Amino acid sequence: MSLNCQSLASKHNSIQTLIKELANSNVHVDILALQETWRLPYTELIQIPGYHFTHKQRSTNRGGGVGFYIKNSISYKLHEDLSHFTDNVFESITIEAKIHKKSYTLSSIYRSPNPPHSMTTAAQTTAFTAQLDALLSMLNAKKLNSYLFLDSNLNLLLSNTDATVSNYQDTILNNGYLQTITRATRMHDEHFSLIDHILTNSPSTNTQSGILVSDIATISSPLLFLITRRREKHPKTTQLGISATYKTLN
């Protein structure tokens, strides 16, 4: 499961409630990827019982940041060499986790819609796509099933009309990855966009992706979240071991 939380400190209780509500419905979240965690000076205040927490944050300015909550029963390691982090350009963290006796690499990635003061938006997007290209290539060298959860702020619904978005999509495909989310993930009045992406190099009939809309009482806005779900041969419960993403509708 993956969430753009727009300040983890302020959304911590709501996230904890969501995980509990999903568990009550027999949907068990093994790993939660996060974007826009913002700065966290006191990580002891945002712990969730039963989960480890790891993150990377900006060196100076507010906003951005990425991280993971990982269930205590799952062994994992942080890949610093695959966790390139440039404030407001390419913010990422990558872990290798063993889920159901199989190893996966999982990356949480954020691209800010606001470039650094020293860069134009075009230059920032070019740099972001180049660093994504390098990351995908390095992940392929690991020869593991990989999943990447991005809030890229690049609208894939414009891939036929926007050269920047088209180049981003070509980078994904040229590295052997597929984007599993195909419908809009943000809606405002008559405007629709697909900026929340789940990429994988191992598409499978045992994996499903989709979009769910849900209201959470502790958050005033509706939530939109994407789910990639593994099916067990004889499931007693739903295992949400790989991913889901939800985002506030503005």
Protein backbone atom coordinates (compact mmCIF):
# COMPACT_ATOMS: atom_id res chain seq x y z
CA MET A 1 0.00 0.00 0.00
CA SER A 2 1.30 3.44 -0.89
CA LEU A 3 0.09 6.85 0.23
CA ASN A 4 0.86 10.47 -0.52
CA CYS A 5 0.24 11.67 3.02
CA GLN A 6 1.09 15.38 2.67
CA SER A 7 2.67 15.50 6.14
CA LEU A 8 2.97 12.18 7.93
CA ALA A 9 2.92 13.85 11.34
CA SER A 10 -0.55 15.29 10.71
CA LYS A 11 -1.97 12.17 9.03
CA HIS A 12 -0.42 9.55 11.33
CA ASN A 13 -3.60 8.81 13.30
CA SER A 14 -5.68 8.56 10.13
CA ILE A 15 -3.21 6.14 8.54
CA GLN A 16 -3.18 4.00 11.66
CA THR A 17 -6.98 3.96 11.62
CA LEU A 18 -7.04 2.98 7.94
CA ILE A 19 -4.70 0.05 8.51
CA LYS A 20 -6.87 -1.17 11.40
CA GLU A 21 -10.06 -0.83 9.36
CA LEU A 22 -8.55 -2.78 6.47
CA ALA A 23 -7.38 -5.50 8.87
CA ASN A 24 -10.91 -5.73 10.28
CA SER A 25 -12.03 -6.45 6.71
CA ASN A 26 -9.37 -9.18 6.36
CA VAL A 27 -7.17 -6.97 4.17
CA HIS A 28 -3.71 -7.07 5.74
CA VAL A 29 -1.19 -4.44 4.69
CA ASP A 30 2.35 -5.82 4.75
CA ILE A 31 4.14 -2.70 3.49
CA LEU A 32 3.01 0.91 3.22
CA ALA A 33 4.98 3.17 0.86
CA LEU A 34 4.79 6.90 1.59
CA GLN A 35 5.32 10.08 -0.40
CA GLU A 36 5.36 13.63 0.95
CA THR A 37 6.18 12.61 4.49
CA TRP A 38 7.68 16.10 5.08
CA ARG A 39 10.32 16.64 7.76
CA LEU A 40 10.10 14.36 10.80
CA PRO A 41 12.29 15.57 13.69
CA TYR A 42 10.69 13.10 16.14
CA THR A 43 10.08 9.77 14.42
CA GLU A 44 9.09 8.19 17.73
CA LEU A 45 5.81 10.11 17.44
CA ILE A 46 4.77 8.52 14.13
CA GLN A 47 5.35 4.85 14.90
CA ILE A 48 2.59 2.30 14.20
CA PRO A 49 2.47 -0.82 16.43
CA GLY A 50 3.52 -3.91 14.51
CA TYR A 51 5.52 -1.97 11.89
CA HIS A 52 9.08 -0.76 11.37
CA PHE A 53 9.51 2.72 9.89
CA THR A 54 12.25 3.99 7.58
CA HIS A 55 12.38 7.21 5.57
CA LYS A 56 14.44 9.87 3.77
CA GLN A 57 13.72 13.59 4.01
CA ARG A 58 14.79 16.88 2.50
CA SER A 59 17.92 18.51 3.86
CA THR A 60 16.47 22.00 4.21
CA ASN A 61 13.10 23.07 2.81
CA ARG A 62 9.65 21.91 3.81
CA GLY A 63 7.67 19.21 2.00
CA GLY A 64 8.68 16.13 0.03
CA GLY A 65 10.20 13.10 1.66
CA VAL A 66 9.53 9.39 1.19
CA GLY A 67 9.38 6.34 3.45
CA PHE A 68 7.96 2.93 4.30
CA TYR A 69 6.08 1.24 7.10
CA ILE A 70 7.08 -2.44 7.07
CA LYS A 71 5.38 -5.14 9.10
CA ASN A 72 7.63 -6.47 11.87
CA SER A 73 7.31 -10.04 10.56
CA ILE A 74 8.93 -9.04 7.22
CA SER A 75 12.71 -8.94 6.94
CA TYR A 76 14.06 -6.10 4.83
CA LYS A 77 17.13 -4.04 4.11
CA LEU A 78 17.54 -0.48 2.87
CA HIS A 79 19.40 -0.05 -0.43
CA GLU A 80 21.18 3.30 -0.08
CA ASP A 81 22.67 2.89 -3.58
CA LEU A 82 19.14 2.71 -5.00
CA SER A 83 17.74 5.54 -2.86
CA HIS A 84 18.87 8.63 -4.75
CA PHE A 85 17.50 11.80 -3.19
CA THR A 86 17.68 15.29 -4.70
CA ASP A 87 15.40 17.83 -3.04
CA ASN A 88 12.44 18.83 -5.25
CA VAL A 89 13.74 16.78 -8.18
CA PHE A 90 13.95 13.05 -7.52
CA GLU A 91 13.20 11.88 -3.99
CA SER A 92 13.35 8.12 -3.53
CA ILE A 93 13.89 5.29 -1.10
CA THR A 94 14.34 1.62 -2.05
CA ILE A 95 14.14 -1.45 0.13
CA GLU A 96 14.51 -5.16 -0.51
CA ALA A 97 11.88 -7.14 1.38
CA LYS A 98 11.11 -10.82 1.71
CA ILE A 99 7.36 -11.44 1.40
CA HIS A 100 5.95 -14.98 1.45
CA LYS A 101 9.52 -16.37 1.09
CA LYS A 102 10.17 -14.29 -2.04
CA SER A 103 12.38 -11.20 -2.32
CA TYR A 104 11.18 -7.98 -3.93
CA THR A 105 12.65 -4.53 -4.40
CA LEU A 106 10.20 -1.75 -3.62
CA SER A 107 10.76 1.95 -4.26
CA SER A 108 8.77 4.96 -3.12
CA ILE A 109 9.38 7.99 -5.35
CA TYR A 110 8.21 11.60 -5.36
CA ARG A 111 8.61 14.40 -7.89
CA SER A 112 7.58 17.81 -6.64
CA PRO A 113 5.44 19.99 -8.95
CA ASN A 114 7.66 22.87 -7.79
CA PRO A 115 11.27 22.69 -9.06
CA PRO A 116 14.23 24.10 -7.12
CA HIS A 117 14.76 27.83 -7.53
CA SER A 118 17.78 27.14 -9.73
CA MET A 119 15.86 24.98 -12.25
CA THR A 120 13.03 25.41 -14.70
CA THR A 121 10.16 22.91 -14.64
CA ALA A 122 11.37 21.49 -17.96
CA ALA A 123 14.89 20.96 -16.63
CA GLN A 124 13.54 19.40 -13.44
CA THR A 125 11.35 16.95 -15.37
CA THR A 126 14.25 16.01 -17.64
CA ALA A 127 16.44 15.35 -14.59
CA PHE A 128 13.68 13.34 -12.92
CA THR A 129 13.18 11.13 -15.97
CA ALA A 130 16.94 10.59 -16.34
CA GLN A 131 17.28 9.52 -12.71
CA LEU A 132 14.26 7.22 -13.04
CA ASP A 133 15.90 5.66 -16.12
CA ALA A 134 19.07 5.01 -14.12
CA LEU A 135 17.12 3.53 -11.19
CA LEU A 136 15.10 1.18 -13.39
CA SER A 137 18.30 -0.03 -15.04
CA MET A 138 19.94 -0.70 -11.66
CA LEU A 139 16.84 -2.48 -10.37
CA ASN A 140 16.87 -4.75 -13.43
CA ALA A 141 20.46 -5.68 -12.62
CA LYS A 142 19.22 -7.06 -9.28
CA LYS A 143 17.13 -9.62 -11.21
CA LEU A 144 14.31 -9.40 -8.66
CA ASN A 145 10.65 -8.59 -9.05
CA SER A 146 10.38 -4.84 -8.56
CA TYR A 147 7.53 -2.50 -7.74
CA LEU A 148 7.79 1.29 -7.80
CA PHE A 149 5.18 3.59 -6.27
CA LEU A 150 5.34 7.10 -7.63
CA ASP A 151 3.63 10.39 -7.18
CA SER A 152 5.30 11.80 -10.28
CA ASN A 153 2.95 14.75 -10.89
CA LEU A 154 3.11 13.70 -14.57
CA ASN A 155 -0.32 13.12 -16.07
CA LEU A 156 -0.18 9.96 -18.18
CA LEU A 157 -3.56 10.81 -19.67
CA LEU A 158 -1.62 13.40 -21.70
CA SER A 159 0.97 10.97 -23.08
CA ASN A 160 -0.28 11.50 -26.65
CA THR A 161 -0.14 15.29 -26.50
CA ASP A 162 2.63 16.18 -24.04
CA ALA A 163 6.18 15.35 -25.15
CA THR A 164 7.49 15.43 -21.58
CA VAL A 165 4.93 12.87 -20.42
CA SER A 166 5.53 10.77 -23.54
CA ASN A 167 9.27 10.67 -22.80
CA TYR A 168 8.54 9.60 -19.22
CA GLN A 169 6.30 6.79 -20.45
CA ASP A 170 8.89 5.69 -23.04
CA THR A 171 11.52 5.51 -20.30
CA ILE A 172 9.30 3.16 -18.31
CA LEU A 173 8.56 0.89 -21.29
CA ASN A 174 12.15 0.86 -22.61
CA ASN A 175 13.34 -0.55 -19.29
CA GLY A 176 10.79 -3.39 -19.45
CA TYR A 177 8.34 -1.96 -16.90
CA LEU A 178 4.59 -1.57 -17.13
CA GLN A 179 2.41 1.08 -15.50
CA THR A 180 -0.41 -0.86 -13.86
CA ILE A 181 -2.82 2.02 -13.16
CA THR A 182 -4.73 3.11 -16.25
CA ARG A 183 -7.50 5.39 -14.97
CA ALA A 184 -7.53 8.85 -13.45
CA THR A 185 -6.34 9.08 -9.84
CA ARG A 186 -7.34 12.71 -9.30
CA MET A 187 -10.60 14.41 -10.20
CA HIS A 188 -11.54 18.03 -9.73
CA ASP A 189 -14.63 19.44 -11.41
CA GLU A 190 -14.17 18.52 -15.09
CA HIS A 191 -10.43 17.88 -14.78
CA PHE A 192 -9.03 14.34 -14.56
CA SER A 193 -5.40 13.30 -14.16
CA LEU A 194 -3.35 10.14 -13.72
CA ILE A 195 -0.29 11.14 -11.71
CA ASP A 196 -0.08 8.23 -9.23
CA HIS A 197 1.69 5.29 -10.80
CA ILE A 198 2.58 1.72 -9.84
CA LEU A 199 5.33 0.27 -12.03
CA THR A 200 6.48 -3.33 -12.20
CA ASN A 201 8.85 -5.47 -14.24
CA SER A 202 6.93 -8.63 -13.36
CA PRO A 203 3.30 -8.40 -14.51
CA SER A 204 1.39 -11.51 -13.54
CA THR A 205 -2.11 -12.93 -13.70
CA ASN A 206 -1.79 -13.28 -9.91
CA THR A 207 -1.58 -9.51 -9.53
CA GLN A 208 -4.49 -7.09 -9.82
CA SER A 209 -4.55 -3.32 -9.80
CA GLY A 210 -7.40 -0.88 -9.56
CA ILE A 211 -8.77 2.26 -7.97
CA LEU A 212 -10.97 2.48 -4.89
CA VAL A 213 -12.58 5.59 -3.48
CA SER A 214 -13.21 5.73 0.27
CA ASP A 215 -14.14 8.27 2.93
CA ILE A 216 -12.23 8.27 6.23
CA ALA A 217 -13.91 10.16 9.05
CA THR A 218 -10.69 11.65 10.37
CA ILE A 219 -9.90 13.27 7.01
CA SER A 220 -12.35 15.77 5.59
CA SER A 221 -11.66 15.11 1.92
CA PRO A 222 -12.51 11.89 0.08
CA LEU A 223 -9.57 9.53 -0.52
CA LEU A 224 -8.51 7.80 -3.67
CA PHE A 225 -6.29 4.75 -3.46
CA LEU A 226 -4.78 2.27 -5.87
CA ILE A 227 -4.43 -1.39 -5.04
CA THR A 228 -2.22 -4.14 -6.38
CA ARG A 229 -3.30 -7.41 -4.80
CA ARG A 230 -1.72 -10.88 -4.73
CA ARG A 231 -4.11 -13.82 -4.91
CA GLU A 232 -3.32 -16.92 -2.89
CA LYS A 233 -4.29 -20.31 -4.32
CA HIS A 234 -6.58 -21.00 -1.36
CA PRO A 235 -7.08 -17.59 0.25
CA LYS A 236 -8.67 -17.30 3.66
CA THR A 237 -8.00 -13.59 3.75
CA THR A 238 -6.98 -10.97 1.23
CA GLN A 239 -3.22 -10.40 1.30
CA LEU A 240 -2.30 -6.85 0.31
CA GLY A 241 1.36 -7.69 0.31
CA ILE A 242 2.58 -5.61 -2.59
CA SER A 243 0.92 -2.24 -2.93
CA ALA A 244 -1.86 0.26 -2.78
CA THR A 245 -1.94 4.00 -3.19
CA TYR A 246 -4.45 6.57 -2.05
CA LYS A 247 -4.47 10.34 -2.23
CA THR A 248 -6.61 13.21 -1.03
CA LEU A 249 -8.90 14.68 -3.67
CA ASN A 250 -8.40 18.45 -3.80
